[in-house]
Amino acid sequence: MAVLYIREYQFAAAFVQGSGSQLPAGLEPGIVDQAITIGAGSNVSAQFNAKTNFVRLHCDEICSVLFGPFSSPPTATTQNARLAANQTEFFGVNPSLGLCVAVIQNV
């Protein structure tokens, strides 16, 4: 069973404390961890935490992802943003929009 792992973050890691510089990495500990199955049909995560500003996605297999409001859940298709197997990516999200992410297999 392939899985999309999601870690939600409120803040980015600072390169030097107080310098204003940021790394493309989340400040640990993250807020929430989720794991959703990657399958032939679109699966949707839970709604992101109200403090989440960006997410780290890691997938076990090739997939496509689509972000959208949890109130009207997105349906991922193979035409959406593609992630390679074992790829890790960070995405910024707007916490005021009540977002989630959908995933689908893209072989």
N, C-alpha and C. Protein backbone atom coordinates (compact mmCIF):
# COMPACT_ATOMS: atom_id res chain seq x y z
N MET A 1 0.85 -1.18 0.00
CA MET A 1 0.00 0.00 0.00
C MET A 1 0.89 1.24 0.00
N ALA A 2 0.74 2.06 -1.01
CA ALA A 2 1.50 3.31 -1.11
C ALA A 2 0.83 4.39 -0.27
N VAL A 3 1.65 5.29 0.27
CA VAL A 3 1.15 6.30 1.20
C VAL A 3 1.72 7.67 0.86
N LEU A 4 0.90 8.70 1.03
CA LEU A 4 1.36 10.09 1.00
C LEU A 4 1.44 10.54 2.45
N TYR A 5 2.64 10.91 2.87
CA TYR A 5 2.87 11.39 4.23
C TYR A 5 2.84 12.90 4.23
N ILE A 6 2.10 13.48 5.16
CA ILE A 6 1.92 14.93 5.24
C ILE A 6 2.35 15.39 6.63
N ARG A 7 3.24 16.36 6.68
CA ARG A 7 3.57 17.00 7.96
C ARG A 7 3.25 18.48 7.81
N GLU A 8 2.49 19.01 8.74
CA GLU A 8 2.07 20.41 8.70
C GLU A 8 2.98 21.24 9.61
N TYR A 9 3.31 22.45 9.14
CA TYR A 9 4.19 23.35 9.88
C TYR A 9 3.57 24.74 9.98
N GLN A 10 3.87 25.39 11.09
CA GLN A 10 3.48 26.79 11.25
C GLN A 10 4.61 27.70 10.80
N PHE A 11 5.87 27.31 11.09
CA PHE A 11 7.02 28.17 10.82
C PHE A 11 8.09 27.46 10.01
N ALA A 12 8.88 28.25 9.27
CA ALA A 12 10.05 27.73 8.58
C ALA A 12 11.23 27.79 9.55
N ALA A 13 12.21 26.92 9.33
CA ALA A 13 13.41 26.92 10.16
C ALA A 13 14.26 28.15 9.83
N ALA A 14 14.79 28.81 10.84
CA ALA A 14 15.65 29.97 10.65
C ALA A 14 17.10 29.51 10.49
N PHE A 15 17.82 30.10 9.53
CA PHE A 15 19.23 29.76 9.30
C PHE A 15 20.07 30.24 10.47
N VAL A 16 19.90 31.49 10.84
CA VAL A 16 20.57 32.06 12.01
C VAL A 16 19.48 32.70 12.85
N GLN A 17 19.42 32.33 14.10
CA GLN A 17 18.36 32.83 14.98
C GLN A 17 18.24 34.35 14.88
N GLY A 18 17.07 34.82 14.51
CA GLY A 18 16.80 36.25 14.46
C GLY A 18 17.30 36.96 13.21
N SER A 19 17.90 36.25 12.26
CA SER A 19 18.46 36.91 11.07
C SER A 19 17.40 37.19 10.01
N GLY A 20 16.27 36.51 10.07
CA GLY A 20 15.25 36.65 9.06
C GLY A 20 15.45 35.70 7.89
N SER A 21 16.62 35.06 7.82
CA SER A 21 16.86 34.07 6.76
C SER A 21 16.11 32.79 7.09
N GLN A 22 15.59 32.13 6.05
CA GLN A 22 14.87 30.89 6.28
C GLN A 22 15.40 29.79 5.38
N LEU A 23 15.26 28.57 5.85
CA LEU A 23 15.62 27.39 5.09
C LEU A 23 14.37 26.77 4.49
N PRO A 24 14.51 26.00 3.41
CA PRO A 24 13.33 25.29 2.89
C PRO A 24 13.05 24.05 3.73
N ALA A 25 12.80 24.26 5.00
CA ALA A 25 12.54 23.18 5.94
C ALA A 25 11.62 23.71 7.04
N GLY A 26 10.83 22.82 7.57
CA GLY A 26 9.92 23.20 8.63
C GLY A 26 10.61 23.24 9.98
N LEU A 27 10.12 24.11 10.84
CA LEU A 27 10.63 24.20 12.20
C LEU A 27 9.95 23.09 13.00
N GLU A 28 10.75 22.16 13.47
CA GLU A 28 10.23 21.03 14.25
C GLU A 28 9.99 21.44 15.70
N PRO A 29 9.07 20.83 16.37
CA PRO A 29 8.20 19.78 15.86
C PRO A 29 7.10 20.36 14.98
N GLY A 30 6.64 19.55 14.04
CA GLY A 30 5.52 19.95 13.20
C GLY A 30 4.25 20.00 14.02
N ILE A 31 3.20 20.53 13.42
CA ILE A 31 1.91 20.67 14.12
C ILE A 31 1.14 19.35 14.09
N VAL A 32 1.03 18.76 12.90
CA VAL A 32 0.21 17.56 12.70
C VAL A 32 0.87 16.68 11.66
N ASP A 33 0.76 15.37 11.82
CA ASP A 33 1.16 14.40 10.81
C ASP A 33 -0.07 13.67 10.32
N GLN A 34 -0.12 13.45 9.01
CA GLN A 34 -1.20 12.67 8.40
C GLN A 34 -0.57 11.68 7.43
N ALA A 35 -1.27 10.62 7.15
CA ALA A 35 -0.87 9.65 6.13
C ALA A 35 -2.13 9.20 5.41
N ILE A 36 -2.14 9.35 4.08
CA ILE A 36 -3.31 8.92 3.30
C ILE A 36 -2.86 7.96 2.20
N THR A 37 -3.71 7.04 1.90
CA THR A 37 -3.42 6.01 0.90
C THR A 37 -3.42 6.62 -0.51
N ILE A 38 -2.42 6.22 -1.29
CA ILE A 38 -2.36 6.59 -2.70
C ILE A 38 -2.98 5.44 -3.48
N GLY A 39 -4.06 5.72 -4.21
CA GLY A 39 -4.73 4.66 -4.96
C GLY A 39 -5.17 5.11 -6.33
N ALA A 40 -5.89 4.25 -6.99
CA ALA A 40 -6.38 4.53 -8.35
C ALA A 40 -7.43 5.63 -8.37
N GLY A 41 -8.10 5.85 -7.22
CA GLY A 41 -9.07 6.93 -7.08
C GLY A 41 -8.51 8.01 -6.19
N SER A 42 -9.07 9.20 -6.27
CA SER A 42 -8.61 10.33 -5.47
C SER A 42 -8.97 10.14 -4.00
N ASN A 43 -7.99 10.33 -3.11
CA ASN A 43 -8.21 10.30 -1.66
C ASN A 43 -7.84 11.66 -1.09
N VAL A 44 -8.57 12.09 -0.06
CA VAL A 44 -8.41 13.44 0.50
C VAL A 44 -7.93 13.37 1.94
N SER A 45 -7.03 14.29 2.29
CA SER A 45 -6.54 14.39 3.66
C SER A 45 -7.61 15.03 4.54
N ALA A 46 -7.33 15.07 5.83
CA ALA A 46 -8.15 15.85 6.74
C ALA A 46 -7.83 17.33 6.50
N GLN A 47 -8.69 18.19 6.97
CA GLN A 47 -8.44 19.64 6.86
C GLN A 47 -7.17 19.98 7.63
N PHE A 48 -6.35 20.86 7.04
CA PHE A 48 -5.12 21.29 7.72
C PHE A 48 -5.46 22.11 8.96
N ASN A 49 -4.57 22.08 9.92
CA ASN A 49 -4.69 22.84 11.16
C ASN A 49 -4.79 24.34 10.82
N ALA A 50 -5.52 25.08 11.62
CA ALA A 50 -5.71 26.52 11.38
C ALA A 50 -4.41 27.32 11.47
N LYS A 51 -3.34 26.73 12.04
CA LYS A 51 -2.05 27.41 12.14
C LYS A 51 -1.06 26.97 11.07
N THR A 52 -1.46 26.05 10.20
CA THR A 52 -0.54 25.52 9.19
C THR A 52 -0.31 26.53 8.07
N ASN A 53 0.98 26.87 7.85
CA ASN A 53 1.38 27.78 6.78
C ASN A 53 2.06 27.05 5.62
N PHE A 54 2.62 25.90 5.88
CA PHE A 54 3.16 25.08 4.80
C PHE A 54 3.23 23.63 5.22
N VAL A 55 3.29 22.77 4.19
CA VAL A 55 3.27 21.33 4.42
C VAL A 55 4.44 20.66 3.72
N ARG A 56 4.86 19.55 4.29
CA ARG A 56 5.88 18.69 3.68
C ARG A 56 5.14 17.44 3.20
N LEU A 57 5.26 17.13 1.91
CA LEU A 57 4.66 15.93 1.35
C LEU A 57 5.76 14.96 0.95
N HIS A 58 5.57 13.69 1.30
CA HIS A 58 6.50 12.64 0.87
C HIS A 58 5.65 11.46 0.42
N CYS A 59 5.97 10.92 -0.77
CA CYS A 59 5.16 9.83 -1.32
C CYS A 59 5.99 8.59 -1.56
N ASP A 60 5.34 7.43 -1.45
CA ASP A 60 5.97 6.13 -1.69
C ASP A 60 6.03 5.78 -3.17
N GLU A 61 5.10 6.32 -3.95
CA GLU A 61 5.05 5.99 -5.37
C GLU A 61 4.65 7.23 -6.16
N ILE A 62 4.75 7.14 -7.48
CA ILE A 62 4.39 8.26 -8.34
C ILE A 62 2.92 8.61 -8.11
N CYS A 63 2.67 9.90 -7.92
CA CYS A 63 1.30 10.34 -7.67
C CYS A 63 1.13 11.78 -8.15
N SER A 64 -0.10 12.24 -8.14
CA SER A 64 -0.43 13.63 -8.41
C SER A 64 -1.22 14.17 -7.22
N VAL A 65 -1.01 15.46 -6.92
CA VAL A 65 -1.68 16.08 -5.78
C VAL A 65 -2.40 17.35 -6.21
N LEU A 66 -3.45 17.67 -5.47
CA LEU A 66 -4.22 18.89 -5.72
C LEU A 66 -4.70 19.43 -4.39
N PHE A 67 -4.42 20.69 -4.12
CA PHE A 67 -4.87 21.36 -2.90
C PHE A 67 -6.20 22.04 -3.17
N GLY A 68 -7.03 22.12 -2.15
CA GLY A 68 -8.32 22.80 -2.27
C GLY A 68 -8.98 22.90 -0.92
N PRO A 69 -10.12 23.58 -0.85
CA PRO A 69 -10.82 23.74 0.43
C PRO A 69 -11.45 22.43 0.90
N PHE A 70 -11.33 22.16 2.18
CA PHE A 70 -11.91 20.95 2.75
C PHE A 70 -13.44 20.99 2.66
N SER A 71 -14.01 22.19 2.67
CA SER A 71 -15.47 22.33 2.60
C SER A 71 -16.03 21.86 1.26
N SER A 72 -15.20 21.86 0.23
CA SER A 72 -15.56 21.35 -1.10
C SER A 72 -14.34 20.58 -1.60
N PRO A 73 -14.12 19.37 -1.08
CA PRO A 73 -12.86 18.66 -1.28
C PRO A 73 -12.43 18.54 -2.74
N PRO A 74 -11.15 18.77 -3.00
CA PRO A 74 -10.63 18.64 -4.36
C PRO A 74 -10.61 17.16 -4.78
N THR A 75 -10.63 16.94 -6.07
CA THR A 75 -10.48 15.61 -6.64
C THR A 75 -9.22 15.62 -7.50
N ALA A 76 -8.19 14.92 -7.06
CA ALA A 76 -6.94 14.87 -7.80
C ALA A 76 -7.11 14.03 -9.05
N THR A 77 -6.44 14.44 -10.13
CA THR A 77 -6.38 13.67 -11.37
C THR A 77 -4.90 13.55 -11.76
N THR A 78 -4.63 12.73 -12.73
CA THR A 78 -3.25 12.55 -13.19
C THR A 78 -2.74 13.78 -13.94
N GLN A 79 -3.59 14.75 -14.16
CA GLN A 79 -3.18 16.01 -14.81
C GLN A 79 -2.67 17.03 -13.80
N ASN A 80 -2.82 16.76 -12.51
CA ASN A 80 -2.38 17.69 -11.47
C ASN A 80 -0.90 17.54 -11.17
N ALA A 81 -0.38 18.34 -10.26
CA ALA A 81 1.04 18.36 -9.93
C ALA A 81 1.54 16.96 -9.60
N ARG A 82 2.58 16.53 -10.30
CA ARG A 82 3.09 15.16 -10.18
C ARG A 82 4.28 15.12 -9.22
N LEU A 83 4.30 14.09 -8.40
CA LEU A 83 5.44 13.81 -7.52
C LEU A 83 6.02 12.46 -7.93
N ALA A 84 7.34 12.39 -8.01
CA ALA A 84 8.02 11.13 -8.33
C ALA A 84 8.00 10.23 -7.10
N ALA A 85 8.20 8.95 -7.31
CA ALA A 85 8.28 8.01 -6.18
C ALA A 85 9.40 8.44 -5.24
N ASN A 86 9.13 8.41 -3.96
CA ASN A 86 10.08 8.77 -2.90
C ASN A 86 10.52 10.23 -2.95
N GLN A 87 9.70 11.09 -3.50
CA GLN A 87 9.98 12.52 -3.56
C GLN A 87 9.43 13.21 -2.33
N THR A 88 10.14 14.25 -1.88
CA THR A 88 9.68 15.08 -0.77
C THR A 88 9.63 16.52 -1.25
N GLU A 89 8.50 17.19 -1.02
CA GLU A 89 8.32 18.58 -1.44
C GLU A 89 7.65 19.37 -0.33
N PHE A 90 7.98 20.66 -0.27
CA PHE A 90 7.31 21.59 0.63
C PHE A 90 6.39 22.49 -0.19
N PHE A 91 5.19 22.77 0.35
CA PHE A 91 4.24 23.64 -0.31
C PHE A 91 3.70 24.64 0.72
N GLY A 92 3.62 25.91 0.34
CA GLY A 92 3.00 26.91 1.18
C GLY A 92 1.49 26.82 1.06
N VAL A 93 0.79 27.00 2.16
CA VAL A 93 -0.68 26.99 2.14
C VAL A 93 -1.20 28.16 2.97
N ASN A 94 -2.37 28.64 2.63
CA ASN A 94 -2.98 29.75 3.34
C ASN A 94 -3.87 29.19 4.45
N PRO A 95 -3.50 29.40 5.72
CA PRO A 95 -4.27 28.81 6.81
C PRO A 95 -5.71 29.31 6.92
N SER A 96 -6.00 30.47 6.36
CA SER A 96 -7.36 31.01 6.47
C SER A 96 -8.33 30.36 5.48
N LEU A 97 -7.83 29.52 4.56
CA LEU A 97 -8.70 28.92 3.55
C LEU A 97 -9.23 27.54 3.92
N GLY A 98 -8.78 26.96 5.03
CA GLY A 98 -9.28 25.65 5.43
C GLY A 98 -8.97 24.57 4.41
N LEU A 99 -7.71 24.49 4.00
CA LEU A 99 -7.32 23.61 2.92
C LEU A 99 -7.07 22.16 3.34
N CYS A 100 -7.03 21.30 2.31
CA CYS A 100 -6.64 19.90 2.43
C CYS A 100 -5.92 19.56 1.13
N VAL A 101 -5.46 18.32 1.01
CA VAL A 101 -4.81 17.89 -0.22
C VAL A 101 -5.40 16.55 -0.66
N ALA A 102 -5.59 16.42 -1.97
CA ALA A 102 -6.05 15.17 -2.55
C ALA A 102 -4.90 14.53 -3.30
N VAL A 103 -4.89 13.20 -3.36
CA VAL A 103 -3.81 12.47 -4.04
C VAL A 103 -4.39 11.32 -4.85
N ILE A 104 -3.72 11.03 -5.99
CA ILE A 104 -4.11 9.92 -6.83
C ILE A 104 -2.85 9.31 -7.43
N GLN A 105 -2.90 8.02 -7.66
CA GLN A 105 -1.80 7.29 -8.30
C GLN A 105 -1.59 7.85 -9.71
N ASN A 106 -0.33 7.96 -10.14
CA ASN A 106 -0.04 8.47 -11.47
C ASN A 106 1.11 7.67 -12.05
N VAL A 107 0.81 6.48 -12.53
CA VAL A 107 1.85 5.58 -13.03
C VAL A 107 2.04 5.74 -14.51
